[in-house]
Amino acid sequence: MLIDLKCNEFIEELASASPAPGGGSVSALAGALGAALVSMVANLTIGKEQFKADEEELQAVLAKASELKEKLMSYVDEDTEAFNRVMTAYKLPKGTEEEKKARTQAIQEAMRQAASLPMEVAECCLEALQLTKTAVAKGNPNALSDGGVAVLMAFAGLQGAIFNVQINLGSIKDEQFVQTMREKKEHVLRKGQALRDEILAMVETKLN
């Protein structure tokens, strides 16, 4: 599994001529790193007397960030698997009309899955951004820069995942599916951009 590779091994695999893993897996990893940093900020805050008033809220943040981290880590491999299913579908025989029809159906189903998965990644990254807002606002100020990096990583994961949704939608013939996904990605992206800007402004203010 990709997620079990050492950092240098993953980077070398990414740099190879193979098309997978690629940007989708990296987007999921970026989101997982953002969620992990949120957990770090929470862990550096919880249990300290001066932050006692917000401890219950930060415990909830920690639990959710840990859940998102695990989910996004699983998507690192699932994105590559989704890409491989598309490639497998394209290799199906197309000698007869029946084979052509079955191949087209398989390609379309694989493409829908390949678009749906990065959308799930983007939604998880949006949740991570929402948690980051609380971590930056109420977390240990000594970890403020870590919260800032969490924002950048979570949004990078979100934007990267949206790119992957967009590129896959171009090959899907189901107009209703495409329209629904386009509306969803626009909503997620707008919310993510607004959160990113709001939290980064908060980080800058606190740092200064």
Protein backbone atom coordinates (compact mmCIF):
# COMPACT_ATOMS: atom_id res chain seq x y z
CA MET A 1 0.00 0.00 0.00
CA LEU A 2 1.19 3.50 -0.80
CA ILE A 3 0.36 4.85 2.65
CA ASP A 4 2.71 2.27 4.19
CA LEU A 5 5.73 3.41 2.16
CA LYS A 6 8.48 5.46 3.75
CA CYS A 7 8.39 9.15 2.81
CA ASN A 8 11.36 8.87 0.45
CA GLU A 9 9.86 5.74 -1.18
CA PHE A 10 6.53 7.45 -1.77
CA ILE A 11 8.24 10.51 -3.26
CA GLU A 12 10.33 8.39 -5.60
CA GLU A 13 7.24 6.41 -6.68
CA LEU A 14 5.47 9.70 -7.31
CA ALA A 15 8.38 10.99 -9.41
CA SER A 16 8.45 7.89 -11.64
CA ALA A 17 7.01 7.60 -15.15
CA SER A 18 3.95 5.80 -13.81
CA PRO A 19 0.76 7.96 -13.95
CA ALA A 20 -0.31 6.66 -10.55
CA PRO A 21 0.09 7.63 -7.79
CA GLY A 22 -0.48 11.18 -8.89
CA GLY A 23 -2.18 14.39 -7.89
CA GLY A 24 -5.22 12.66 -6.43
CA SER A 25 -3.20 10.64 -3.94
CA VAL A 26 -1.10 13.69 -3.11
CA SER A 27 -4.27 15.73 -2.47
CA ALA A 28 -5.52 13.09 -0.03
CA LEU A 29 -2.11 13.04 1.67
CA ALA A 30 -2.07 16.85 1.94
CA GLY A 31 -5.49 16.74 3.61
CA ALA A 32 -4.31 14.02 5.99
CA LEU A 33 -1.28 16.13 6.94
CA GLY A 34 -3.55 19.11 7.59
CA ALA A 35 -5.80 17.02 9.83
CA ALA A 36 -2.75 15.62 11.62
CA LEU A 37 -1.53 19.14 12.37
CA VAL A 38 -4.95 20.03 13.78
CA SER A 39 -4.61 17.01 16.07
CA MET A 40 -1.16 18.20 17.09
CA VAL A 41 -2.42 21.67 18.03
CA ALA A 42 -5.26 20.12 20.04
CA ASN A 43 -2.90 17.71 21.80
CA LEU A 44 -0.59 20.60 22.70
CA THR A 45 -3.54 22.44 24.24
CA ILE A 46 -5.64 19.82 26.00
CA GLY A 47 -4.70 19.26 29.64
CA LYS A 48 -3.15 22.66 30.19
CA GLU A 49 -4.81 24.74 32.89
CA GLN A 50 -4.81 28.03 30.96
CA PHE A 51 -6.94 26.44 28.20
CA LYS A 52 -9.34 24.60 30.52
CA ALA A 53 -12.38 26.62 29.42
CA ASP A 54 -12.09 25.34 25.84
CA GLU A 55 -10.93 21.81 26.62
CA GLU A 56 -14.23 20.08 25.85
CA GLU A 57 -14.48 21.76 22.46
CA LEU A 58 -10.87 20.91 21.65
CA GLN A 59 -11.43 17.30 22.67
CA ALA A 60 -14.19 17.16 20.06
CA VAL A 61 -11.86 18.78 17.51
CA LEU A 62 -9.18 16.20 18.27
CA ALA A 63 -11.59 13.28 17.86
CA LYS A 64 -12.90 14.54 14.53
CA ALA A 65 -9.45 15.48 13.22
CA SER A 66 -8.19 11.98 14.04
CA GLU A 67 -11.14 10.47 12.19
CA LEU A 68 -10.52 12.66 9.12
CA LYS A 69 -6.80 11.86 9.17
CA GLU A 70 -7.52 8.13 8.98
CA LYS A 71 -10.11 8.56 6.24
CA LEU A 72 -7.83 10.74 4.12
CA MET A 73 -4.94 8.33 4.58
CA SER A 74 -7.14 5.56 3.15
CA TYR A 75 -7.96 7.77 0.16
CA VAL A 76 -4.25 7.95 -0.76
CA ASP A 77 -4.51 4.35 -1.96
CA GLU A 78 -8.15 4.47 -3.03
CA ASP A 79 -7.47 7.27 -5.50
CA THR A 80 -4.79 5.21 -7.24
CA GLU A 81 -7.12 2.20 -7.24
CA ALA A 82 -9.85 4.30 -8.86
CA PHE A 83 -7.41 5.39 -11.58
CA ASN A 84 -6.38 1.77 -12.17
CA ARG A 85 -10.04 0.74 -12.58
CA VAL A 86 -10.42 3.34 -15.34
CA MET A 87 -7.31 2.01 -17.10
CA THR A 88 -8.59 -1.56 -16.79
CA ALA A 89 -11.94 -0.57 -18.29
CA TYR A 90 -10.22 1.05 -21.29
CA LYS A 91 -8.33 -2.20 -21.94
CA LEU A 92 -11.53 -4.27 -22.26
CA PRO A 93 -12.11 -5.91 -25.67
CA LYS A 94 -14.09 -3.99 -28.29
CA GLY A 95 -14.26 -6.43 -31.19
CA THR A 96 -18.03 -6.84 -31.26
CA GLU A 97 -20.93 -4.45 -30.69
CA GLU A 98 -21.70 -6.26 -27.43
CA GLU A 99 -18.12 -5.89 -26.25
CA LYS A 100 -18.10 -2.21 -27.20
CA LYS A 101 -21.29 -1.60 -25.21
CA ALA A 102 -19.94 -3.46 -22.14
CA ARG A 103 -16.64 -1.57 -22.41
CA THR A 104 -18.36 1.82 -22.62
CA GLN A 105 -20.52 1.00 -19.59
CA ALA A 106 -17.45 -0.13 -17.63
CA ILE A 107 -15.54 3.03 -18.56
CA GLN A 108 -18.42 5.27 -17.56
CA GLU A 109 -18.88 3.53 -14.21
CA ALA A 110 -15.15 3.71 -13.49
CA MET A 111 -15.10 7.41 -14.43
CA ARG A 112 -18.02 8.15 -12.09
CA GLN A 113 -16.12 6.47 -9.27
CA ALA A 114 -12.96 8.37 -10.24
CA ALA A 115 -14.88 11.66 -9.96
CA SER A 116 -16.79 10.76 -6.80
CA LEU A 117 -13.73 9.78 -4.78
CA PRO A 118 -11.86 13.11 -5.05
CA MET A 119 -15.11 14.86 -4.19
CA GLU A 120 -15.11 12.90 -0.93
CA VAL A 121 -11.49 13.96 -0.41
CA ALA A 122 -12.44 17.61 -0.99
CA GLU A 123 -15.31 17.36 1.50
CA CYS A 124 -13.02 15.83 4.13
CA CYS A 125 -10.49 18.61 3.56
CA LEU A 126 -13.26 21.17 4.02
CA GLU A 127 -14.11 19.57 7.36
CA ALA A 128 -10.42 19.70 8.31
CA LEU A 129 -10.40 23.43 7.48
CA GLN A 130 -13.40 23.98 9.75
CA LEU A 131 -11.57 22.24 12.59
CA THR A 132 -8.47 24.30 11.91
CA LYS A 133 -10.47 27.47 12.55
CA THR A 134 -11.21 26.31 16.11
CA ALA A 135 -7.64 25.07 16.63
CA VAL A 136 -6.19 28.45 15.57
CA ALA A 137 -8.73 30.47 17.54
CA LYS A 138 -8.57 28.49 20.78
CA GLY A 139 -5.43 26.38 20.61
CA ASN A 140 -2.06 26.82 22.25
CA PRO A 141 -0.52 30.00 20.74
CA ASN A 142 2.88 28.30 20.74
CA ALA A 143 1.47 26.05 17.98
CA LEU A 144 -0.03 28.91 15.97
CA SER A 145 2.34 28.47 13.01
CA ASP A 146 1.42 24.77 12.93
CA GLY A 147 -2.22 25.77 12.69
CA GLY A 148 -1.31 28.04 9.79
CA VAL A 149 0.38 25.18 7.96
CA ALA A 150 -2.68 23.01 8.67
CA VAL A 151 -4.79 25.57 6.78
CA LEU A 152 -2.44 25.52 3.80
CA MET A 153 -2.29 21.72 3.64
CA ALA A 154 -6.03 21.20 4.06
CA PHE A 155 -6.83 23.75 1.36
CA ALA A 156 -4.17 22.31 -0.97
CA GLY A 157 -5.84 18.93 -0.56
CA LEU A 158 -9.25 20.45 -1.25
CA GLN A 159 -8.18 22.38 -4.35
CA GLY A 160 -6.18 19.45 -5.71
CA ALA A 161 -9.12 17.10 -5.23
CA ILE A 162 -11.42 19.56 -7.04
CA PHE A 163 -8.99 19.60 -9.99
CA ASN A 164 -9.31 15.81 -10.15
CA VAL A 165 -13.10 16.00 -10.03
CA GLN A 166 -13.07 18.48 -12.91
CA ILE A 167 -10.77 16.49 -15.18
CA ASN A 168 -12.81 13.31 -14.71
CA LEU A 169 -16.17 14.99 -15.31
CA GLY A 170 -15.04 15.80 -18.85
CA SER A 171 -15.28 12.11 -19.81
CA ILE A 172 -18.66 11.36 -18.20
CA LYS A 173 -21.79 11.25 -20.39
CA ASP A 174 -24.35 11.23 -17.57
CA GLU A 175 -25.43 14.88 -17.69
CA GLN A 176 -27.36 14.78 -14.41
CA PHE A 177 -24.38 13.30 -12.57
CA VAL A 178 -22.06 15.90 -14.10
CA GLN A 179 -24.36 18.78 -13.18
CA THR A 180 -24.77 17.56 -9.60
CA MET A 181 -21.02 17.15 -9.17
CA ARG A 182 -20.29 20.57 -10.66
CA GLU A 183 -22.69 22.24 -8.25
CA LYS A 184 -21.19 20.34 -5.33
CA LYS A 185 -17.59 21.16 -6.24
CA GLU A 186 -18.40 24.87 -6.63
CA HIS A 187 -20.05 24.89 -3.21
CA VAL A 188 -17.14 23.09 -1.53
CA LEU A 189 -14.55 25.27 -3.24
CA ARG A 190 -16.29 28.53 -2.30
CA LYS A 191 -16.61 27.49 1.34
CA GLY A 192 -13.01 26.30 1.39
CA GLN A 193 -11.66 29.53 -0.09
CA ALA A 194 -13.63 31.63 2.38
CA LEU A 195 -12.43 29.55 5.34
CA ARG A 196 -8.82 29.58 4.14
CA ASP A 197 -8.83 33.37 3.83
CA GLU A 198 -10.55 33.86 7.18
CA ILE A 199 -8.23 31.54 9.11
CA LEU A 200 -5.03 32.79 7.48
CA ALA A 201 -6.03 36.35 8.37
CA MET A 202 -6.54 35.19 11.95
CA VAL A 203 -3.11 33.52 11.96
CA GLU A 204 -1.44 36.65 10.60
CA THR A 205 -3.15 38.84 13.19
CA LYS A 206 -2.15 36.56 16.05
CA LEU A 207 1.42 36.23 14.82
CA ASN A 208 1.80 39.99 14.61
